[in-house]
């Protein structure tokens, strides 16, 4: 592998790391919006995350040819580039692990909120049904045969 290949590898690893950092920030924003129950803002963040994930997938495809290579067979411009690449890969893996935990937490919070809303809707529907039933039972019936006429 020549130096141009490792230059490209380092560029891709840097780009991947940058995108994963962006995802971490967006996931933090997502968690805050979930806590605040701000659905419109949450939808915007999720849309932006989708775009970043698409870009990340494209980078992953570009990185795939490098995965089959032995790191010791790569020729680097300098040892600093090799170390930078190692460091970024390690940091990116750490962030990805953190992201998975954050996403699990967000999913749990969304599930709890969904269950609360479902419970509230069920309670409201039940209360409305009961109220409707009592209203029907409590309505006075008017008997037409009991009308009185006065003669004067």
C-alpha atoms as a PDB file:
ATOM      1  CA  UNK A   1       0.000   0.000   0.000  1.00  0.00           C
ATOM      2  CA  UNK A   2       1.435   3.344  -0.940  1.00  0.00           C
ATOM      3  CA  UNK A   3       1.392   6.655   0.869  1.00  0.00           C
ATOM      4  CA  UNK A   4      -1.535   7.963  -1.154  1.00  0.00           C
ATOM      5  CA  UNK A   5      -3.667   5.056   0.039  1.00  0.00           C
ATOM      6  CA  UNK A   6      -2.803   5.734   3.655  1.00  0.00           C
ATOM      7  CA  UNK A   7      -3.444   9.435   3.125  1.00  0.00           C
ATOM      8  CA  UNK A   8      -6.929   8.520   1.909  1.00  0.00           C
ATOM      9  CA  UNK A   9      -7.388   6.111   4.821  1.00  0.00           C
ATOM     10  CA  UNK A  10      -6.511   8.850   7.300  1.00  0.00           C
ATOM     11  CA  UNK A  11      -8.939  11.257   5.598  1.00  0.00           C
ATOM     12  CA  UNK A  12     -11.745   8.719   5.810  1.00  0.00           C
ATOM     13  CA  UNK A  13     -10.982   7.904   9.445  1.00  0.00           C
ATOM     14  CA  UNK A  14     -10.961  11.636  10.287  1.00  0.00           C
ATOM     15  CA  UNK A  15     -14.277  12.150   8.486  1.00  0.00           C
ATOM     16  CA  UNK A  16     -15.815   9.156  10.216  1.00  0.00           C
ATOM     17  CA  UNK A  17     -14.642  10.408  13.603  1.00  0.00           C
ATOM     18  CA  UNK A  18     -16.058  13.886  12.929  1.00  0.00           C
ATOM     19  CA  UNK A  19     -19.447  12.452  11.917  1.00  0.00           C
ATOM     20  CA  UNK A  20     -19.600  10.209  14.976  1.00  0.00           C
ATOM     21  CA  UNK A  21     -18.898  13.253  17.168  1.00  0.00           C
ATOM     22  CA  UNK A  22     -21.765  15.061  15.426  1.00  0.00           C
ATOM     23  CA  UNK A  23     -24.043  12.101  16.112  1.00  0.00           C
ATOM     24  CA  UNK A  24     -23.088  12.216  19.780  1.00  0.00           C
ATOM     25  CA  UNK A  25     -24.060  15.902  19.988  1.00  0.00           C
ATOM     26  CA  UNK A  26     -27.311  15.280  18.137  1.00  0.00           C
ATOM     27  CA  UNK A  27     -28.105  12.374  20.442  1.00  0.00           C
ATOM     28  CA  UNK A  28     -27.567  14.637  23.439  1.00  0.00           C
ATOM     29  CA  UNK A  29     -29.946  17.147  21.855  1.00  0.00           C
ATOM     30  CA  UNK A  30     -32.382  14.305  21.216  1.00  0.00           C
ATOM     31  CA  UNK A  31     -32.302  13.252  24.867  1.00  0.00           C
ATOM     32  CA  UNK A  32     -32.954  16.831  25.980  1.00  0.00           C
ATOM     33  CA  UNK A  33     -35.884  17.203  23.589  1.00  0.00           C
ATOM     34  CA  UNK A  34     -37.349  13.911  24.783  1.00  0.00           C
ATOM     35  CA  UNK A  35     -37.086  15.103  28.390  1.00  0.00           C
ATOM     36  CA  UNK A  36     -38.774  18.389  27.432  1.00  0.00           C
ATOM     37  CA  UNK A  37     -41.386  16.550  25.342  1.00  0.00           C
ATOM     38  CA  UNK A  38     -40.649  18.789  22.373  1.00  0.00           C
ATOM     39  CA  UNK A  39     -41.803  16.664  19.452  1.00  0.00           C
ATOM     40  CA  UNK A  40     -41.238  19.149  16.583  1.00  0.00           C
ATOM     41  CA  UNK A  41     -37.631  19.752  17.651  1.00  0.00           C
ATOM     42  CA  UNK A  42     -37.115  16.033  18.128  1.00  0.00           C
ATOM     43  CA  UNK A  43     -38.280  15.366  14.575  1.00  0.00           C
ATOM     44  CA  UNK A  44     -35.792  17.916  13.238  1.00  0.00           C
ATOM     45  CA  UNK A  45     -32.915  16.314  15.153  1.00  0.00           C
ATOM     46  CA  UNK A  46     -33.916  12.837  13.988  1.00  0.00           C
ATOM     47  CA  UNK A  47     -34.008  14.041  10.391  1.00  0.00           C
ATOM     48  CA  UNK A  48     -30.535  15.572  10.697  1.00  0.00           C
ATOM     49  CA  UNK A  49     -29.264  12.362  12.301  1.00  0.00           C
ATOM     50  CA  UNK A  50     -30.610  10.399   9.340  1.00  0.00           C
ATOM     51  CA  UNK A  51     -28.606  12.557   6.946  1.00  0.00           C
ATOM     52  CA  UNK A  52     -25.425  12.120   8.996  1.00  0.00           C
ATOM     53  CA  UNK A  53     -25.989   8.362   9.146  1.00  0.00           C
ATOM     54  CA  UNK A  54     -26.283   8.228   5.350  1.00  0.00           C
ATOM     55  CA  UNK A  55     -22.959  10.044   4.999  1.00  0.00           C
ATOM     56  CA  UNK A  56     -21.432   7.731   7.583  1.00  0.00           C
ATOM     57  CA  UNK A  57     -22.584   4.707   5.586  1.00  0.00           C
ATOM     58  CA  UNK A  58     -20.936   6.112   2.453  1.00  0.00           C
ATOM     59  CA  UNK A  59     -17.664   6.517   4.353  1.00  0.00           C
ATOM     60  CA  UNK A  60     -18.006   3.002   5.714  1.00  0.00           C
ATOM     61  CA  UNK A  61     -18.259   1.702   2.131  1.00  0.00           C
ATOM     62  CA  UNK A  62     -15.103   3.607   1.199  1.00  0.00           C
ATOM     63  CA  UNK A  63     -13.297   2.177   4.216  1.00  0.00           C
ATOM     64  CA  UNK A  64     -14.220  -1.432   3.443  1.00  0.00           C
ATOM     65  CA  UNK A  65     -11.241  -2.135   1.109  1.00  0.00           C
ATOM     66  CA  UNK A  66      -8.862  -1.138   3.917  1.00  0.00           C
ATOM     67  CA  UNK A  67     -10.370  -3.604   6.383  1.00  0.00           C
ATOM     68  CA  UNK A  68      -8.826  -6.602   4.663  1.00  0.00           C
ATOM     69  CA  UNK A  69      -5.322  -5.165   4.812  1.00  0.00           C
ATOM     70  CA  UNK A  70      -2.795  -5.854   7.493  1.00  0.00           C
ATOM     71  CA  UNK A  71      -1.968  -2.588   9.292  1.00  0.00           C
ATOM     72  CA  UNK A  72       1.749  -3.423   9.319  1.00  0.00           C
ATOM     73  CA  UNK A  73       1.732  -3.567   5.475  1.00  0.00           C
ATOM     74  CA  UNK A  74       0.658   0.057   5.170  1.00  0.00           C
ATOM     75  CA  UNK A  75       3.189   2.708   4.208  1.00  0.00           C
ATOM     76  CA  UNK A  76       2.614   6.007   5.986  1.00  0.00           C
ATOM     77  CA  UNK A  77       4.039   9.442   5.265  1.00  0.00           C
ATOM     78  CA  UNK A  78       5.137   9.636   8.854  1.00  0.00           C
ATOM     79  CA  UNK A  79       4.707   7.853  12.148  1.00  0.00           C
ATOM     80  CA  UNK A  80       2.485  10.700  13.407  1.00  0.00           C
ATOM     81  CA  UNK A  81      -0.107   9.924  10.722  1.00  0.00           C
ATOM     82  CA  UNK A  82      -0.090   6.257  11.673  1.00  0.00           C
ATOM     83  CA  UNK A  83      -0.564   7.145  15.349  1.00  0.00           C
ATOM     84  CA  UNK A  84      -3.260   9.722  14.557  1.00  0.00           C
ATOM     85  CA  UNK A  85      -5.171   7.090  12.615  1.00  0.00           C
ATOM     86  CA  UNK A  86      -4.894   4.618  15.508  1.00  0.00           C
ATOM     87  CA  UNK A  87      -5.996   7.235  18.026  1.00  0.00           C
ATOM     88  CA  UNK A  88      -8.971   8.337  15.953  1.00  0.00           C
ATOM     89  CA  UNK A  89     -10.098   4.751  15.425  1.00  0.00           C
ATOM     90  CA  UNK A  90      -9.911   4.102  19.147  1.00  0.00           C
ATOM     91  CA  UNK A  91     -11.730   7.332  20.039  1.00  0.00           C
ATOM     92  CA  UNK A  92     -14.402   6.623  17.431  1.00  0.00           C
ATOM     93  CA  UNK A  93     -15.048   3.168  18.858  1.00  0.00           C
ATOM     94  CA  UNK A  94     -15.384   4.669  22.339  1.00  0.00           C
ATOM     95  CA  UNK A  95     -17.885   7.248  21.068  1.00  0.00           C
ATOM     96  CA  UNK A  96     -19.858   4.575  19.208  1.00  0.00           C
ATOM     97  CA  UNK A  97     -20.151   2.547  22.409  1.00  0.00           C
ATOM     98  CA  UNK A  98     -21.332   5.693  24.205  1.00  0.00           C
ATOM     99  CA  UNK A  99     -23.835   6.385  21.411  1.00  0.00           C
ATOM    100  CA  UNK A 100     -25.345   2.930  21.697  1.00  0.00           C
ATOM    101  CA  UNK A 101     -25.897   3.444  25.423  1.00  0.00           C
ATOM    102  CA  UNK A 102     -27.401   6.894  24.823  1.00  0.00           C
ATOM    103  CA  UNK A 103     -29.750   5.537  22.150  1.00  0.00           C
ATOM    104  CA  UNK A 104     -30.890   2.748  24.463  1.00  0.00           C
ATOM    105  CA  UNK A 105     -31.625   5.307  27.171  1.00  0.00           C
ATOM    106  CA  UNK A 106     -33.532   7.520  24.719  1.00  0.00           C
ATOM    107  CA  UNK A 107     -35.523   4.549  23.484  1.00  0.00           C
ATOM    108  CA  UNK A 108     -36.420   3.633  27.055  1.00  0.00           C
ATOM    109  CA  UNK A 109     -37.559   7.187  27.794  1.00  0.00           C
ATOM    110  CA  UNK A 110     -39.669   7.312  24.638  1.00  0.00           C
ATOM    111  CA  UNK A 111     -41.256   3.981  25.537  1.00  0.00           C
ATOM    112  CA  UNK A 112     -42.102   5.273  29.023  1.00  0.00           C
ATOM    113  CA  UNK A 113     -43.645   8.444  27.589  1.00  0.00           C
ATOM    114  CA  UNK A 114     -45.633   6.393  25.083  1.00  0.00           C
ATOM    115  CA  UNK A 115     -46.949   4.169  27.879  1.00  0.00           C
ATOM    116  CA  UNK A 116     -47.906   7.192  29.989  1.00  0.00           C
ATOM    117  CA  UNK A 117     -49.780   8.789  27.085  1.00  0.00           C
ATOM    118  CA  UNK A 118     -51.519   5.489  26.299  1.00  0.00           C
ATOM    119  CA  UNK A 119     -52.558   5.161  29.931  1.00  0.00           C
ATOM    120  CA  UNK A 120     -53.862   8.724  30.003  1.00  0.00           C
ATOM    121  CA  UNK A 121     -55.813   8.176  26.792  1.00  0.00           C
ATOM    122  CA  UNK A 122     -57.243   4.946  28.155  1.00  0.00           C
ATOM    123  CA  UNK A 123     -58.243   6.693  31.391  1.00  0.00           C
ATOM    124  CA  UNK A 124     -59.831   9.573  29.470  1.00  0.00           C
ATOM    125  CA  UNK A 125     -61.719   7.217  27.173  1.00  0.00           C
ATOM    126  CA  UNK A 126     -62.926   5.129  30.112  1.00  0.00           C
ATOM    127  CA  UNK A 127     -64.026   8.224  32.032  1.00  0.00           C
ATOM    128  CA  UNK A 128     -65.847   9.561  28.987  1.00  0.00           C
ATOM    129  CA  UNK A 129     -67.615   6.224  28.477  1.00  0.00           C
ATOM    130  CA  UNK A 130     -68.680   6.086  32.118  1.00  0.00           C
ATOM    131  CA  UNK A 131     -69.873   9.687  32.017  1.00  0.00           C
ATOM    132  CA  UNK A 132     -71.865   8.948  28.873  1.00  0.00           C
ATOM    133  CA  UNK A 133     -73.438   5.886  30.469  1.00  0.00           C
ATOM    134  CA  UNK A 134     -74.460   7.807  33.601  1.00  0.00           C
ATOM    135  CA  UNK A 135     -75.831  10.662  31.539  1.00  0.00           C
ATOM    136  CA  UNK A 136     -78.052   8.235  29.657  1.00  0.00           C
ATOM    137  CA  UNK A 137     -79.310   6.566  32.831  1.00  0.00           C
ATOM    138  CA  UNK A 138     -79.898   9.845  34.667  1.00  0.00           C
ATOM    139  CA  UNK A 139     -81.922  11.571  31.932  1.00  0.00           C
ATOM    140  CA  UNK A 140     -85.527  11.943  33.112  1.00  0.00           C
ATOM    141  CA  UNK A 141     -88.087  10.323  30.943  1.00  0.00           C
ATOM    142  CA  UNK A 142     -91.073  12.459  30.026  1.00  0.00           C
ATOM    143  CA  UNK A 143     -94.410  10.675  29.865  1.00  0.00           C
ATOM    144  CA  UNK A 144     -96.763  12.318  27.382  1.00  0.00           C
ATOM    145  CA  UNK A 145     -99.891  10.908  29.032  1.00  0.00           C
ATOM    146  CA  UNK A 146     -99.430  13.012  32.161  1.00  0.00           C
ATOM    147  CA  UNK A 147    -100.093  16.349  30.551  1.00  0.00           C
ATOM    148  CA  UNK A 148    -102.679  18.476  32.384  1.00  0.00           C
ATOM    149  CA  UNK A 149    -105.216  20.779  30.965  1.00  0.00           C
ATOM    150  CA  UNK A 150    -106.848  23.549  32.967  1.00  0.00           C
ATOM    151  CA  UNK A 151    -110.350  24.585  32.533  1.00  0.00           C
ATOM    152  CA  UNK A 152    -111.165  27.921  33.614  1.00  0.00           C
END
